[in-house]
PDB file of N, CA and C in Angstrom:
ATOM      1  N   MET A   1       0.895  -1.178  -0.070  1.00  0.00           N
ATOM      2  CA  MET A   1       0.073  -0.212  -0.077  1.00  0.00           C
ATOM      3  C   MET A   1       0.808   1.160   0.166  1.00  0.00           C
ATOM      4  N   THR A   2       0.757   2.335  -0.811  1.00  0.00           N
ATOM      5  CA  THR A   2       1.060   3.287  -0.928  1.00  0.00           C
ATOM      6  C   THR A   2       0.492   4.766  -0.228  1.00  0.00           C
ATOM      7  N   LEU A   3       1.469   5.318   0.289  1.00  0.00           N
ATOM      8  CA  LEU A   3       1.020   6.647   0.805  1.00  0.00           C
ATOM      9  C   LEU A   3       0.924   7.673  -0.041  1.00  0.00           C
ATOM     10  N   LYS A   4      -0.210   8.696  -0.317  1.00  0.00           N
ATOM     11  CA  LYS A   4      -0.103   9.824  -1.157  1.00  0.00           C
ATOM     12  C   LYS A   4      -0.255  10.864  -0.327  1.00  0.00           C
ATOM     13  N   TYR A   5       0.476  11.919  -0.524  1.00  0.00           N
ATOM     14  CA  TYR A   5       0.457  13.288   0.105  1.00  0.00           C
ATOM     15  C   TYR A   5      -0.042  14.196  -0.431  1.00  0.00           C
ATOM     16  N   SER A   6      -0.639  15.172   0.370  1.00  0.00           N
ATOM     17  CA  SER A   6      -1.470  16.087  -0.313  1.00  0.00           C
ATOM     18  C   SER A   6      -1.260  17.577   0.307  1.00  0.00           C
ATOM     19  N   ASP A   7      -1.252  18.601  -0.578  1.00  0.00           N
ATOM     20  CA  ASP A   7      -1.368  19.838   0.267  1.00  0.00           C
ATOM     21  C   ASP A   7      -2.618  20.315   0.687  1.00  0.00           C
ATOM     22  N   ARG A   8      -3.694  19.733   0.264  1.00  0.00           N
ATOM     23  CA  ARG A   8      -5.289  19.883   0.360  1.00  0.00           C
ATOM     24  C   ARG A   8      -5.790  19.211   1.181  1.00  0.00           C
ATOM     25  N   PRO A   9      -6.636  19.724   1.883  1.00  0.00           N
ATOM     26  CA  PRO A   9      -7.319  18.647   2.707  1.00  0.00           C
ATOM     27  C   PRO A   9      -8.312  17.831   2.113  1.00  0.00           C
ATOM     28  N   GLN A  10      -8.443  16.808   2.885  1.00  0.00           N
ATOM     29  CA  GLN A  10      -9.388  15.609   2.191  1.00  0.00           C
ATOM     30  C   GLN A  10     -10.272  15.412   3.037  1.00  0.00           C
ATOM     31  N   LEU A  11     -11.789  15.673   1.787  1.00  0.00           N
ATOM     32  CA  LEU A  11     -12.923  15.586   2.646  1.00  0.00           C
ATOM     33  C   LEU A  11     -13.597  14.351   2.261  1.00  0.00           C
ATOM     34  N   MET A  12     -14.738  13.408   2.821  1.00  0.00           N
ATOM     35  CA  MET A  12     -15.236  12.492   2.795  1.00  0.00           C
ATOM     36  C   MET A  12     -16.900  13.059   2.545  1.00  0.00           C
ATOM     37  N   TYR A  13     -17.487  12.369   1.389  1.00  0.00           N
ATOM     38  CA  TYR A  13     -18.605  12.781   1.325  1.00  0.00           C
ATOM     39  C   TYR A  13     -19.824  11.736   1.448  1.00  0.00           C
ATOM     40  N   GLY A  14     -21.081  11.824   1.726  1.00  0.00           N
ATOM     41  CA  GLY A  14     -21.901  10.755   1.982  1.00  0.00           C
ATOM     42  C   GLY A  14     -22.353  10.762   3.201  1.00  0.00           C
ATOM     43  N   GLU A  15     -22.142   9.353   3.714  1.00  0.00           N
ATOM     44  CA  GLU A  15     -22.247   8.987   5.258  1.00  0.00           C
ATOM     45  C   GLU A  15     -20.918   9.766   6.081  1.00  0.00           C
ATOM     46  N   ASN A  16     -19.987   9.214   5.492  1.00  0.00           N
ATOM     47  CA  ASN A  16     -18.737  10.006   5.975  1.00  0.00           C
ATOM     48  C   ASN A  16     -18.282  11.507   5.899  1.00  0.00           C
ATOM     49  N   ARG A  17     -18.733  12.169   6.863  1.00  0.00           N
ATOM     50  CA  ARG A  17     -18.781  13.829   6.633  1.00  0.00           C
ATOM     51  C   ARG A  17     -17.415  14.198   7.185  1.00  0.00           C
ATOM     52  N   SER A  18     -16.887  15.219   6.609  1.00  0.00           N
ATOM     53  CA  SER A  18     -15.412  15.636   7.186  1.00  0.00           C
ATOM     54  C   SER A  18     -15.371  15.985   8.733  1.00  0.00           C
ATOM     55  N   THR A  19     -14.246  15.632   8.967  1.00  0.00           N
ATOM     56  CA  THR A  19     -14.271  15.406  10.704  1.00  0.00           C
ATOM     57  C   THR A  19     -14.453  16.919  11.280  1.00  0.00           C
ATOM     58  N   LEU A  20     -13.908  17.851  10.352  1.00  0.00           N
ATOM     59  CA  LEU A  20     -14.113  19.307  11.010  1.00  0.00           C
ATOM     60  C   LEU A  20     -15.498  19.725  10.889  1.00  0.00           C
ATOM     61  N   GLU A  21     -16.574  19.295  10.634  1.00  0.00           N
ATOM     62  CA  GLU A  21     -17.660  19.613  10.598  1.00  0.00           C
ATOM     63  C   GLU A  21     -18.633  18.749  11.712  1.00  0.00           C
ATOM     64  N   ASP A  22     -17.786  17.297  12.037  1.00  0.00           N
ATOM     65  CA  ASP A  22     -18.303  16.739  13.071  1.00  0.00           C
ATOM     66  C   ASP A  22     -17.944  17.480  14.835  1.00  0.00           C
ATOM     67  N   ILE A  23     -16.885  18.084  14.214  1.00  0.00           N
ATOM     68  CA  ILE A  23     -16.164  18.996  15.693  1.00  0.00           C
ATOM     69  C   ILE A  23     -16.770  20.341  16.198  1.00  0.00           C
ATOM     70  N   TYR A  24     -17.409  20.801  14.889  1.00  0.00           N
ATOM     71  CA  TYR A  24     -17.925  21.954  15.546  1.00  0.00           C
ATOM     72  C   TYR A  24     -19.490  21.624  15.687  1.00  0.00           C
ATOM     73  N   ARG A  25     -19.950  20.561  15.576  1.00  0.00           N
ATOM     74  CA  ARG A  25     -21.395  20.440  15.784  1.00  0.00           C
ATOM     75  C   ARG A  25     -21.519  20.031  17.474  1.00  0.00           C
ATOM     76  N   ARG A  26     -20.277  20.109  18.198  1.00  0.00           N
ATOM     77  CA  ARG A  26     -20.201  19.616  19.579  1.00  0.00           C
ATOM     78  C   ARG A  26     -20.548  20.553  20.415  1.00  0.00           C
ATOM     79  N   PHE A  27     -20.103  22.036  19.513  1.00  0.00           N
ATOM     80  CA  PHE A  27     -20.013  23.072  20.363  1.00  0.00           C
ATOM     81  C   PHE A  27     -21.311  24.044  20.256  1.00  0.00           C
ATOM     82  N   PRO A  28     -21.511  24.829  21.022  1.00  0.00           N
ATOM     83  CA  PRO A  28     -22.731  25.637  20.576  1.00  0.00           C
ATOM     84  C   PRO A  28     -22.246  26.584  19.930  1.00  0.00           C
ATOM     85  N   ALA A  29     -23.354  27.667  19.111  1.00  0.00           N
ATOM     86  CA  ALA A  29     -23.357  27.962  17.856  1.00  0.00           C
ATOM     87  C   ALA A  29     -22.196  29.628  18.316  1.00  0.00           C
ATOM     88  N   ASN A  30     -22.219  30.028  19.942  1.00  0.00           N
ATOM     89  CA  ASN A  30     -21.653  31.226  19.859  1.00  0.00           C
ATOM     90  C   ASN A  30     -19.981  30.682  20.525  1.00  0.00           C
ATOM     91  N   ALA A  31     -19.527  29.712  20.635  1.00  0.00           N
ATOM     92  CA  ALA A  31     -18.356  29.390  20.835  1.00  0.00           C
ATOM     93  C   ALA A  31     -17.218  29.808  19.669  1.00  0.00           C
ATOM     94  N   ARG A  32     -16.446  30.584  20.215  1.00  0.00           N
ATOM     95  CA  ARG A  32     -14.742  31.198  20.209  1.00  0.00           C
ATOM     96  C   ARG A  32     -13.867  30.035  20.242  1.00  0.00           C
ATOM     97  N   PRO A  33     -12.579  30.110  19.631  1.00  0.00           N
ATOM     98  CA  PRO A  33     -11.732  29.343  19.831  1.00  0.00           C
ATOM     99  C   PRO A  33     -10.971  29.547  21.485  1.00  0.00           C
ATOM    100  N   ILE A  34     -10.529  29.045  21.820  1.00  0.00           N
ATOM    101  CA  ILE A  34      -9.647  29.537  23.007  1.00  0.00           C
ATOM    102  C   ILE A  34      -8.536  30.735  23.607  1.00  0.00           C
ATOM    103  N   ALA A  35      -7.902  30.963  22.002  1.00  0.00           N
ATOM    104  CA  ALA A  35      -6.705  31.602  21.940  1.00  0.00           C
ATOM    105  C   ALA A  35      -7.923  33.062  22.492  1.00  0.00           C
ATOM    106  N   THR A  36      -8.815  32.917  22.001  1.00  0.00           N
ATOM    107  CA  THR A  36      -9.487  34.394  21.876  1.00  0.00           C
ATOM    108  C   THR A  36     -10.079  34.683  23.723  1.00  0.00           C
ATOM    109  N   ALA A  37      -9.758  33.588  24.549  1.00  0.00           N
ATOM    110  CA  ALA A  37     -10.493  33.962  25.690  1.00  0.00           C
ATOM    111  C   ALA A  37      -9.703  35.143  26.571  1.00  0.00           C
ATOM    112  N   SER A  38     -10.239  35.705  27.273  1.00  0.00           N
ATOM    113  CA  SER A  38      -9.616  36.649  28.146  1.00  0.00           C
ATOM    114  C   SER A  38      -8.335  35.985  29.790  1.00  0.00           C
ATOM    115  N   GLU A  39      -7.422  35.856  29.808  1.00  0.00           N
ATOM    116  CA  GLU A  39      -7.045  35.258  30.984  1.00  0.00           C
ATOM    117  C   GLU A  39      -6.685  36.567  32.119  1.00  0.00           C
ATOM    118  N   ASN A  40      -7.232  37.480  31.638  1.00  0.00           N
ATOM    119  CA  ASN A  40      -6.989  38.697  32.810  1.00  0.00           C
ATOM    120  C   ASN A  40      -8.205  38.775  33.794  1.00  0.00           C
ATOM    121  N   SER A  41      -9.672  38.396  33.198  1.00  0.00           N
ATOM    122  CA  SER A  41     -10.540  39.089  33.313  1.00  0.00           C
ATOM    123  C   SER A  41     -11.246  38.846  35.048  1.00  0.00           C
ATOM    124  N   GLY A  42     -10.877  37.477  35.130  1.00  0.00           N
ATOM    125  CA  GLY A  42     -11.178  36.932  36.591  1.00  0.00           C
ATOM    126  C   GLY A  42     -12.771  36.557  36.650  1.00  0.00           C
ATOM    127  N   ARG A  43     -13.405  36.393  35.428  1.00  0.00           N
ATOM    128  CA  ARG A  43     -14.948  36.074  35.093  1.00  0.00           C
ATOM    129  C   ARG A  43     -14.733  34.555  34.561  1.00  0.00           C
ATOM    130  N   LEU A  44     -15.530  33.733  35.176  1.00  0.00           N
ATOM    131  CA  LEU A  44     -15.697  32.548  34.997  1.00  0.00           C
ATOM    132  C   LEU A  44     -16.589  32.148  33.987  1.00  0.00           C
ATOM    133  N   ILE A  45     -16.094  31.557  32.839  1.00  0.00           N
ATOM    134  CA  ILE A  45     -16.808  31.114  31.642  1.00  0.00           C
ATOM    135  C   ILE A  45     -16.899  29.640  31.450  1.00  0.00           C
ATOM    136  N   TYR A  46     -17.496  29.157  30.347  1.00  0.00           N
ATOM    137  CA  TYR A  46     -17.719  27.629  29.764  1.00  0.00           C
ATOM    138  C   TYR A  46     -16.397  27.575  28.955  1.00  0.00           C
ATOM    139  N   VAL A  47     -15.939  26.456  29.427  1.00  0.00           N
ATOM    140  CA  VAL A  47     -14.830  25.915  28.529  1.00  0.00           C
ATOM    141  C   VAL A  47     -15.138  24.497  28.158  1.00  0.00           C
ATOM    142  N   PHE A  48     -14.703  24.427  26.492  1.00  0.00           N
ATOM    143  CA  PHE A  48     -14.996  22.720  26.092  1.00  0.00           C
ATOM    144  C   PHE A  48     -13.761  22.151  25.811  1.00  0.00           C
ATOM    145  N   GLU A  49     -13.950  21.196  26.164  1.00  0.00           N
ATOM    146  CA  GLU A  49     -12.819  19.682  25.942  1.00  0.00           C
ATOM    147  C   GLU A  49     -13.239  19.095  24.320  1.00  0.00           C
ATOM    148  N   PRO A  50     -12.348  18.817  23.358  1.00  0.00           N
ATOM    149  CA  PRO A  50     -12.917  17.918  22.201  1.00  0.00           C
ATOM    150  C   PRO A  50     -13.442  17.279  22.176  1.00  0.00           C
ATOM    151  N   SER A  51     -13.950  16.605  22.933  1.00  0.00           N
ATOM    152  CA  SER A  51     -15.119  15.635  23.263  1.00  0.00           C
ATOM    153  C   SER A  51     -16.567  16.505  23.560  1.00  0.00           C
ATOM    154  N   GLY A  52     -16.355  17.625  23.729  1.00  0.00           N
ATOM    155  CA  GLY A  52     -17.730  18.282  23.745  1.00  0.00           C
ATOM    156  C   GLY A  52     -18.215  18.596  25.208  1.00  0.00           C
ATOM    157  N   GLU A  53     -17.358  18.009  26.228  1.00  0.00           N
ATOM    158  CA  GLU A  53     -17.682  18.331  27.516  1.00  0.00           C
ATOM    159  C   GLU A  53     -17.206  19.670  28.103  1.00  0.00           C
ATOM    160  N   ARG A  54     -18.339  20.244  28.704  1.00  0.00           N
ATOM    161  CA  ARG A  54     -18.304  21.524  28.970  1.00  0.00           C
ATOM    162  C   ARG A  54     -18.356  21.661  30.689  1.00  0.00           C
ATOM    163  N   HIS A  55     -17.236  22.610  30.903  1.00  0.00           N
ATOM    164  CA  HIS A  55     -16.827  22.986  32.101  1.00  0.00           C
ATOM    165  C   HIS A  55     -16.855  24.428  32.849  1.00  0.00           C
ATOM    166  N   VAL A  56     -17.349  24.842  33.914  1.00  0.00           N
ATOM    167  CA  VAL A  56     -17.627  26.041  34.246  1.00  0.00           C
ATOM    168  C   VAL A  56     -16.278  26.314  34.645  1.00  0.00           C
ATOM    169  N   SER A  57     -15.096  27.282  34.602  1.00  0.00           N
ATOM    170  CA  SER A  57     -14.051  27.586  34.614  1.00  0.00           C
ATOM    171  C   SER A  57     -13.201  28.846  34.903  1.00  0.00           C
ATOM    172  N   GLY A  58     -12.047  28.859  35.096  1.00  0.00           N
ATOM    173  CA  GLY A  58     -11.334  30.669  34.966  1.00  0.00           C
ATOM    174  C   GLY A  58      -9.917  29.867  34.843  1.00  0.00           C
ATOM    175  N   PHE A  59      -9.421  31.080  34.662  1.00  0.00           N
ATOM    176  CA  PHE A  59      -7.786  31.085  34.282  1.00  0.00           C
ATOM    177  C   PHE A  59      -6.934  31.191  35.480  1.00  0.00           C
ATOM    178  N   ASN A  60      -5.826  30.152  36.099  1.00  0.00           N
ATOM    179  CA  ASN A  60      -5.269  30.459  36.983  1.00  0.00           C
ATOM    180  C   ASN A  60      -3.918  30.599  36.267  1.00  0.00           C
ATOM    181  N   SER A  61      -3.107  31.578  36.650  1.00  0.00           N
ATOM    182  CA  SER A  61      -1.759  32.074  36.226  1.00  0.00           C
ATOM    183  C   SER A  61      -0.742  30.941  36.655  1.00  0.00           C
ATOM    184  N   ARG A  62      -1.181  30.258  37.340  1.00  0.00           N
ATOM    185  CA  ARG A  62       0.082  28.721  37.620  1.00  0.00           C
ATOM    186  C   ARG A  62      -0.397  27.811  36.924  1.00  0.00           C
ATOM    187  N   LEU A  63      -1.426  27.438  36.767  1.00  0.00           N
ATOM    188  CA  LEU A  63      -2.052  26.111  36.186  1.00  0.00           C
ATOM    189  C   LEU A  63      -2.325  26.251  34.667  1.00  0.00           C
ATOM    190  N   GLY A  64      -2.894  27.297  34.563  1.00  0.00           N
ATOM    191  CA  GLY A  64      -3.884  27.497  33.373  1.00  0.00           C
ATOM    192  C   GLY A  64      -5.291  27.449  33.676  1.00  0.00           C
ATOM    193  N   TRP A  65      -6.029  26.890  32.315  1.00  0.00           N
ATOM    194  CA  TRP A  65      -7.527  26.694  32.897  1.00  0.00           C
ATOM    195  C   TRP A  65      -7.825  25.353  33.781  1.00  0.00           C
ATOM    196  N   CYS A  66      -8.813  25.484  34.617  1.00  0.00           N
ATOM    197  CA  CYS A  66      -9.349  25.138  35.758  1.00  0.00           C
ATOM    198  C   CYS A  66     -10.484  25.053  35.952  1.00  0.00           C
ATOM    199  N   LYS A  67     -11.043  23.896  36.397  1.00  0.00           N
ATOM    200  CA  LYS A  67     -12.434  23.929  36.581  1.00  0.00           C
ATOM    201  C   LYS A  67     -12.579  24.662  38.101  1.00  0.00           C
ATOM    202  N   ALA A  68     -14.261  25.220  38.083  1.00  0.00           N
ATOM    203  CA  ALA A  68     -14.849  25.553  38.903  1.00  0.00           C
ATOM    204  C   ALA A  68     -15.965  24.903  39.507  1.00  0.00           C
ATOM    205  N   GLU A  69     -15.954  24.968  40.736  1.00  0.00           N
ATOM    206  CA  GLU A  69     -16.840  24.479  41.329  1.00  0.00           C
ATOM    207  C   GLU A  69     -17.940  25.285  42.562  1.00  0.00           C
ATOM    208  N   GLN A  70     -19.069  25.198  42.879  1.00  0.00           N
ATOM    209  CA  GLN A  70     -19.664  25.560  43.974  1.00  0.00           C
ATOM    210  C   GLN A  70     -19.234  25.220  45.097  1.00  0.00           C
ATOM    211  N   ARG A  71     -19.244  25.995  45.854  1.00  0.00           N
ATOM    212  CA  ARG A  71     -18.769  25.543  47.546  1.00  0.00           C
ATOM    213  C   ARG A  71     -19.752  26.801  48.214  1.00  0.00           C
ATOM    214  N   LYS A  72     -20.591  25.983  49.695  1.00  0.00           N
ATOM    215  CA  LYS A  72     -21.187  26.764  50.370  1.00  0.00           C
ATOM    216  C   LYS A  72     -20.263  26.704  51.689  1.00  0.00           C
ATOM    217  N   ASP A  73     -20.337  28.318  52.168  1.00  0.00           N
ATOM    218  CA  ASP A  73     -20.069  28.548  53.387  1.00  0.00           C
ATOM    219  C   ASP A  73     -20.648  28.257  54.653  1.00  0.00           C
ATOM    220  N   THR A  74     -19.838  27.487  55.422  1.00  0.00           N
ATOM    221  CA  THR A  74     -20.364  26.737  56.905  1.00  0.00           C
ATOM    222  C   THR A  74     -20.596  27.852  57.305  1.00  0.00           C
ATOM    223  N   HIS A  75     -20.093  28.999  57.775  1.00  0.00           N
ATOM    224  CA  HIS A  75     -20.480  30.035  58.572  1.00  0.00           C
ATOM    225  C   HIS A  75     -21.762  30.987  58.465  1.00  0.00           C
ATOM    226  N   THR A  76     -21.763  31.294  56.764  1.00  0.00           N
ATOM    227  CA  THR A  76     -22.720  32.106  56.225  1.00  0.00           C
ATOM    228  C   THR A  76     -23.889  31.333  55.785  1.00  0.00           C
ATOM    229  N   GLY A  77     -23.421  30.314  55.196  1.00  0.00           N
ATOM    230  CA  GLY A  77     -24.239  29.828  54.568  1.00  0.00           C
ATOM    231  C   GLY A  77     -24.189  29.940  52.943  1.00  0.00           C
ATOM    232  N   ALA A  78     -23.709  31.052  52.472  1.00  0.00           N
ATOM    233  CA  ALA A  78     -23.569  31.428  51.094  1.00  0.00           C
ATOM    234  C   ALA A  78     -23.121  30.908  50.519  1.00  0.00           C
ATOM    235  N   THR A  79     -23.579  30.703  49.124  1.00  0.00           N
ATOM    236  CA  THR A  79     -22.869  29.699  47.857  1.00  0.00           C
ATOM    237  C   THR A  79     -22.020  30.691  47.257  1.00  0.00           C
ATOM    238  N   ARG A  80     -20.542  29.838  46.603  1.00  0.00           N
ATOM    239  CA  ARG A  80     -19.774  31.065  45.619  1.00  0.00           C
ATOM    240  C   ARG A  80     -18.853  29.906  44.822  1.00  0.00           C
ATOM    241  N   TRP A  81     -18.764  30.340  43.654  1.00  0.00           N
ATOM    242  CA  TRP A  81     -17.857  29.668  42.826  1.00  0.00           C
ATOM    243  C   TRP A  81     -16.189  29.643  43.213  1.00  0.00           C
ATOM    244  N   VAL A  82     -15.492  28.851  43.074  1.00  0.00           N
ATOM    245  CA  VAL A  82     -14.361  28.637  43.673  1.00  0.00           C
ATOM    246  C   VAL A  82     -13.337  27.974  42.830  1.00  0.00           C
ATOM    247  N   LEU A  83     -12.349  28.248  42.090  1.00  0.00           N
ATOM    248  CA  LEU A  83     -11.552  27.719  41.336  1.00  0.00           C
ATOM    249  C   LEU A  83     -10.637  26.436  42.063  1.00  0.00           C
ATOM    250  N   THR A  84     -10.824  25.494  41.544  1.00  0.00           N
ATOM    251  CA  THR A  84     -10.045  23.978  42.365  1.00  0.00           C
ATOM    252  C   THR A  84      -8.729  23.894  41.363  1.00  0.00           C
ATOM    253  N   ASP A  85      -8.033  22.978  41.573  1.00  0.00           N
ATOM    254  CA  ASP A  85      -6.354  22.711  41.058  1.00  0.00           C
ATOM    255  C   ASP A  85      -6.645  21.838  40.090  1.00  0.00           C
ATOM    256  N   SER A  86      -7.875  21.192  39.722  1.00  0.00           N
ATOM    257  CA  SER A  86      -8.212  20.501  38.707  1.00  0.00           C
ATOM    258  C   SER A  86      -8.478  21.059  37.445  1.00  0.00           C
ATOM    259  N   ARG A  87      -6.905  20.596  36.414  1.00  0.00           N
ATOM    260  CA  ARG A  87      -7.108  21.285  35.368  1.00  0.00           C
ATOM    261  C   ARG A  87      -7.561  20.780  34.011  1.00  0.00           C
ATOM    262  N   ILE A  88      -7.906  21.543  33.045  1.00  0.00           N
ATOM    263  CA  ILE A  88      -8.650  20.976  32.007  1.00  0.00           C
ATOM    264  C   ILE A  88      -7.675  20.608  31.225  1.00  0.00           C
ATOM    265  N   ALA A  89      -7.703  19.557  30.451  1.00  0.00           N
ATOM    266  CA  ALA A  89      -6.305  19.104  29.782  1.00  0.00           C
ATOM    267  C   ALA A  89      -6.215  19.784  28.402  1.00  0.00           C
ATOM    268  N   GLN A  90      -7.334  19.497  27.665  1.00  0.00           N
ATOM    269  CA  GLN A  90      -7.278  20.297  26.395  1.00  0.00           C
ATOM    270  C   GLN A  90      -8.556  21.206  26.240  1.00  0.00           C
ATOM    271  N   PRO A  91      -8.413  22.765  26.769  1.00  0.00           N
ATOM    272  CA  PRO A  91      -9.273  23.411  26.303  1.00  0.00           C
ATOM    273  C   PRO A  91      -9.580  23.747  24.764  1.00  0.00           C
ATOM    274  N   VAL A  92     -10.609  23.770  24.192  1.00  0.00           N
ATOM    275  CA  VAL A  92     -10.442  23.599  22.489  1.00  0.00           C
ATOM    276  C   VAL A  92     -11.206  25.275  22.377  1.00  0.00           C
ATOM    277  N   VAL A  93     -12.534  25.321  22.887  1.00  0.00           N
ATOM    278  CA  VAL A  93     -13.327  26.640  22.847  1.00  0.00           C
ATOM    279  C   VAL A  93     -14.039  26.973  23.980  1.00  0.00           C
ATOM    280  N   TRP A  94     -14.573  28.254  23.993  1.00  0.00           N
ATOM    281  CA  TRP A  94     -15.166  28.537  25.419  1.00  0.00           C
ATOM    282  C   TRP A  94     -16.713  29.316  24.844  1.00  0.00           C
ATOM    283  N   ALA A  95     -17.287  29.546  25.808  1.00  0.00           N
ATOM    284  CA  ALA A  95     -18.327  30.423  25.243  1.00  0.00           C
ATOM    285  C   ALA A  95     -19.013  31.092  26.893  1.00  0.00           C
ATOM    286  N   SER A  96     -19.143  32.188  26.547  1.00  0.00           N
ATOM    287  CA  SER A  96     -19.529  33.300  27.875  1.00  0.00           C
ATOM    288  C   SER A  96     -20.711  32.682  28.697  1.00  0.00           C
ATOM    289  N   SER A  97     -20.813  32.676  30.329  1.00  0.00           N
ATOM    290  CA  SER A  97     -21.815  31.995  30.845  1.00  0.00           C
ATOM    291  C   SER A  97     -22.830  32.796  31.033  1.00  0.00           C
TER     292      SER A  97
END
């Protein structure tokens, strides 16, 4: 079997759609590339992995994109969002929360 190299992307028609089309179907319409996400805002956003899994997250300057979770304050009873040390391995796109 010989390998043929090309400088053009190869598309599959019919039942086998292009993989790029399948990838974009996993994310919401308002999703943007992760490179455009602000790392200095301190605001929580939705970050998506390549599988389409969504996480509420924020940027930690030491760890990168980390998951956030709700924690209840035992003294006041108030609930707040806190960044955890759990990193998002491959953030691909983001959407505002």
